[in-house]
C-alpha atoms as a PDB file:
ATOM      1  CA  MET A   1       0.000   0.000   0.000  1.00  0.00           C
ATOM      2  CA  THR A   2       1.435   3.395  -0.889  1.00  0.00           C
ATOM      3  CA  ALA A   3       1.610   6.387   1.427  1.00  0.00           C
ATOM      4  CA  LYS A   4      -0.784   8.210  -0.877  1.00  0.00           C
ATOM      5  CA  THR A   5      -3.351   5.400  -0.664  1.00  0.00           C
ATOM      6  CA  VAL A   6      -3.068   5.259   3.123  1.00  0.00           C
ATOM      7  CA  LEU A   7      -3.502   9.033   3.401  1.00  0.00           C
ATOM      8  CA  VAL A   8      -6.504   9.057   1.048  1.00  0.00           C
ATOM      9  CA  ILE A   9      -8.183   6.216   2.958  1.00  0.00           C
ATOM     10  CA  GLY A  10      -7.382   8.021   6.213  1.00  0.00           C
ATOM     11  CA  GLY A  11      -9.021  11.187   4.907  1.00  0.00           C
ATOM     12  CA  ILE A  12     -12.112   9.287   3.810  1.00  0.00           C
ATOM     13  CA  LEU A  13     -12.359   7.501   7.162  1.00  0.00           C
ATOM     14  CA  GLY A  14     -11.946  10.841   8.952  1.00  0.00           C
ATOM     15  CA  ALA A  15     -14.818  12.362   7.002  1.00  0.00           C
ATOM     16  CA  LEU A  16     -16.925   9.270   7.679  1.00  0.00           C
ATOM     17  CA  SER A  17     -16.112   9.512  11.399  1.00  0.00           C
ATOM     18  CA  VAL A  18     -17.507  13.031  11.563  1.00  0.00           C
ATOM     19  CA  GLY A  19     -20.540  12.135   9.459  1.00  0.00           C
ATOM     20  CA  ILE A  20     -21.352   8.947  11.342  1.00  0.00           C
ATOM     21  CA  GLY A  21     -20.865  10.655  14.706  1.00  0.00           C
ATOM     22  CA  ALA A  22     -23.105  13.566  13.773  1.00  0.00           C
ATOM     23  CA  PHE A  23     -25.754  11.314  12.252  1.00  0.00           C
ATOM     24  CA  GLY A  24     -25.711   9.136  15.367  1.00  0.00           C
ATOM     25  CA  ALA A  25     -26.054  12.132  17.673  1.00  0.00           C
ATOM     26  CA  HIS A  26     -28.858  13.763  15.726  1.00  0.00           C
ATOM     27  CA  GLY A  27     -30.552  11.396  13.292  1.00  0.00           C
ATOM     28  CA  LEU A  28     -30.274   8.130  15.198  1.00  0.00           C
ATOM     29  CA  GLU A  29     -30.534   9.298  18.804  1.00  0.00           C
ATOM     30  CA  ALA A  30     -34.064   7.933  19.276  1.00  0.00           C
ATOM     31  CA  THR A  31     -33.174   4.495  17.866  1.00  0.00           C
ATOM     32  CA  LEU A  32     -29.911   4.280  19.791  1.00  0.00           C
ATOM     33  CA  SER A  33     -31.617   5.318  23.032  1.00  0.00           C
ATOM     34  CA  ALA A  34     -34.481   2.872  22.474  1.00  0.00           C
ATOM     35  CA  ASN A  35     -31.942   0.076  21.947  1.00  0.00           C
ATOM     36  CA  GLY A  36     -29.879   1.241  24.934  1.00  0.00           C
ATOM     37  CA  ARG A  37     -26.855   1.463  22.634  1.00  0.00           C
ATOM     38  CA  LEU A  38     -25.894   5.144  22.553  1.00  0.00           C
ATOM     39  CA  GLU A  39     -22.617   4.490  24.419  1.00  0.00           C
ATOM     40  CA  THR A  40     -21.843   1.501  22.184  1.00  0.00           C
ATOM     41  CA  PHE A  41     -22.296   3.650  19.076  1.00  0.00           C
ATOM     42  CA  GLU A  42     -20.112   6.396  20.568  1.00  0.00           C
ATOM     43  CA  THR A  43     -17.387   3.823  21.294  1.00  0.00           C
ATOM     44  CA  GLY A  44     -17.432   2.802  17.632  1.00  0.00           C
ATOM     45  CA  VAL A  45     -17.049   6.423  16.542  1.00  0.00           C
ATOM     46  CA  LYS A  46     -14.222   7.074  19.039  1.00  0.00           C
ATOM     47  CA  TYR A  47     -12.228   4.049  17.966  1.00  0.00           C
ATOM     48  CA  GLN A  48     -12.770   4.883  14.303  1.00  0.00           C
ATOM     49  CA  PHE A  49     -11.449   8.396  14.934  1.00  0.00           C
ATOM     50  CA  TYR A  50      -8.450   7.259  16.997  1.00  0.00           C
ATOM     51  CA  HIS A  51      -7.368   4.753  14.395  1.00  0.00           C
ATOM     52  CA  THR A  52      -8.026   7.135  11.526  1.00  0.00           C
ATOM     53  CA  PHE A  53      -5.473   9.462  13.127  1.00  0.00           C
ATOM     54  CA  ALA A  54      -3.092   6.518  13.498  1.00  0.00           C
ATOM     55  CA  LEU A  55      -3.591   5.686   9.817  1.00  0.00           C
ATOM     56  CA  ILE A  56      -2.841   9.262   8.770  1.00  0.00           C
ATOM     57  CA  LEU A  57       0.268   9.314  10.965  1.00  0.00           C
ATOM     58  CA  LEU A  58       1.309   6.039   9.385  1.00  0.00           C
ATOM     59  CA  GLY A  59       0.807   7.490   5.897  1.00  0.00           C
ATOM     60  CA  ILE A  60       3.034  10.427   6.783  1.00  0.00           C
ATOM     61  CA  ILE A  61       5.716   8.063   8.080  1.00  0.00           C
ATOM     62  CA  MET A  62       5.418   6.016   4.873  1.00  0.00           C
ATOM     63  CA  LEU A  63       6.267   9.125   2.825  1.00  0.00           C
ATOM     64  CA  ASN A  64       9.798   8.850   4.215  1.00  0.00           C
ATOM     65  CA  ILE A  65      10.311   5.238   5.234  1.00  0.00           C
ATOM     66  CA  GLN A  66       9.361   2.160   3.224  1.00  0.00           C
ATOM     67  CA  SER A  67       8.642  -0.963   5.262  1.00  0.00           C
ATOM     68  CA  ASN A  68       6.439  -4.012   4.901  1.00  0.00           C
ATOM     69  CA  TYR A  69       5.611  -3.561   8.584  1.00  0.00           C
ATOM     70  CA  PHE A  70       3.961  -0.237   7.760  1.00  0.00           C
ATOM     71  CA  ASN A  71       1.978  -1.895   4.982  1.00  0.00           C
ATOM     72  CA  TYR A  72       0.792  -4.569   7.405  1.00  0.00           C
ATOM     73  CA  ALA A  73      -0.057  -1.913   9.998  1.00  0.00           C
ATOM     74  CA  SER A  74      -2.151   0.086   7.547  1.00  0.00           C
ATOM     75  CA  ILE A  75      -4.051  -3.005   6.438  1.00  0.00           C
ATOM     76  CA  CYS A  76      -4.674  -4.019  10.061  1.00  0.00           C
ATOM     77  CA  PHE A  77      -5.933  -0.538  10.965  1.00  0.00           C
ATOM     78  CA  ILE A  78      -8.337  -0.459   8.000  1.00  0.00           C
ATOM     79  CA  ILE A  79      -9.658  -3.970   8.656  1.00  0.00           C
ATOM     80  CA  GLY A  80      -9.851  -3.253  12.387  1.00  0.00           C
ATOM     81  CA  ILE A  81     -11.866  -0.080  11.884  1.00  0.00           C
ATOM     82  CA  ALA A  82     -14.250  -1.877   9.547  1.00  0.00           C
ATOM     83  CA  ILE A  83     -14.808  -4.847  11.845  1.00  0.00           C
ATOM     84  CA  PHE A  84     -14.577  -3.181  15.274  1.00  0.00           C
ATOM     85  CA  SER A  85     -16.489   0.016  14.595  1.00  0.00           C
ATOM     86  CA  GLY A  86     -18.690  -1.536  11.913  1.00  0.00           C
ATOM     87  CA  SER A  87     -19.873  -4.298  14.234  1.00  0.00           C
ATOM     88  CA  LEU A  88     -20.593  -1.764  17.000  1.00  0.00           C
ATOM     89  CA  TYR A  89     -22.588   0.439  14.617  1.00  0.00           C
ATOM     90  CA  THR A  90     -24.605  -2.528  13.385  1.00  0.00           C
ATOM     91  CA  LEU A  91     -25.135  -3.853  16.924  1.00  0.00           C
ATOM     92  CA  SER A  92     -26.302  -0.402  18.036  1.00  0.00           C
ATOM     93  CA  LEU A  93     -28.856  -0.095  15.256  1.00  0.00           C
ATOM     94  CA  THR A  94     -30.151  -3.663  15.092  1.00  0.00           C
ATOM     95  CA  ASN A  95     -29.650  -4.851  18.686  1.00  0.00           C
ATOM     96  CA  MET A  96     -28.391  -8.173  17.291  1.00  0.00           C
ATOM     97  CA  THR A  97     -26.258  -9.128  20.278  1.00  0.00           C
ATOM     98  CA  TRP A  98     -24.361 -11.899  18.457  1.00  0.00           C
ATOM     99  CA  LEU A  99     -22.455  -9.135  16.666  1.00  0.00           C
ATOM    100  CA  GLY A 100     -20.647  -8.524  19.950  1.00  0.00           C
ATOM    101  CA  ALA A 101     -18.723 -11.736  19.255  1.00  0.00           C
ATOM    102  CA  ILE A 102     -17.250 -10.231  16.079  1.00  0.00           C
ATOM    103  CA  THR A 103     -16.056  -6.991  17.673  1.00  0.00           C
ATOM    104  CA  PRO A 104     -12.958  -8.522  19.371  1.00  0.00           C
ATOM    105  CA  ILE A 105     -11.676  -9.679  15.962  1.00  0.00           C
ATOM    106  CA  GLY A 106     -11.612  -6.034  14.926  1.00  0.00           C
ATOM    107  CA  GLY A 107      -9.963  -5.125  18.216  1.00  0.00           C
ATOM    108  CA  LEU A 108      -7.248  -7.714  17.636  1.00  0.00           C
ATOM    109  CA  SER A 109      -6.646  -6.275  14.172  1.00  0.00           C
ATOM    110  CA  LEU A 110      -6.258  -2.789  15.687  1.00  0.00           C
ATOM    111  CA  ILE A 111      -3.779  -4.126  18.248  1.00  0.00           C
ATOM    112  CA  LEU A 112      -1.803  -5.834  15.485  1.00  0.00           C
ATOM    113  CA  GLY A 113      -1.743  -2.547  13.592  1.00  0.00           C
ATOM    114  CA  TRP A 114      -0.021  -0.899  16.553  1.00  0.00           C
ATOM    115  CA  VAL A 115       2.414  -3.800  16.900  1.00  0.00           C
ATOM    116  CA  PHE A 116       3.357  -3.583  13.213  1.00  0.00           C
ATOM    117  CA  LEU A 117       3.745   0.186  13.518  1.00  0.00           C
ATOM    118  CA  VAL A 118       6.158  -0.259  16.426  1.00  0.00           C
ATOM    119  CA  LEU A 119       8.084  -2.974  14.561  1.00  0.00           C
ATOM    120  CA  GLY A 120       8.376  -0.776  11.490  1.00  0.00           C
ATOM    121  CA  VAL A 121       9.731   2.135  13.489  1.00  0.00           C
ATOM    122  CA  TYR A 122      12.063  -0.065  15.536  1.00  0.00           C
ATOM    123  CA  LYS A 123      13.537  -1.824  12.491  1.00  0.00           C
ATOM    124  CA  ASN A 124      13.695   1.131  10.099  1.00  0.00           C
ATOM    125  CA  ALA A 125      14.078   4.423  11.964  1.00  0.00           C
END
């Protein structure tokens, strides 16, 4: 994955974070409150935002340092955001509790993203 691709995806995910957060706070508040999932939805938005910033930082690093570890980290962050935050959004809207079993897979992917980021810096900087 190129630095440009990572930065573009990071920008898109950042815009989506703002949009999803605002839509949840205003357009979905009644549904989220009725399902008792407002905090769950907010957790999804927070983790999407945190890892979007990590992805953008990673893209900036990749402008100067090439490493397979950084490629792996970017892939893990993208997959982690999709699975972790995506499962929390879906759980919040549908109240399908079995989706909670999928969320840790996304969390593990996010953790691996951080591990690969550290490895890339340690081995290449």
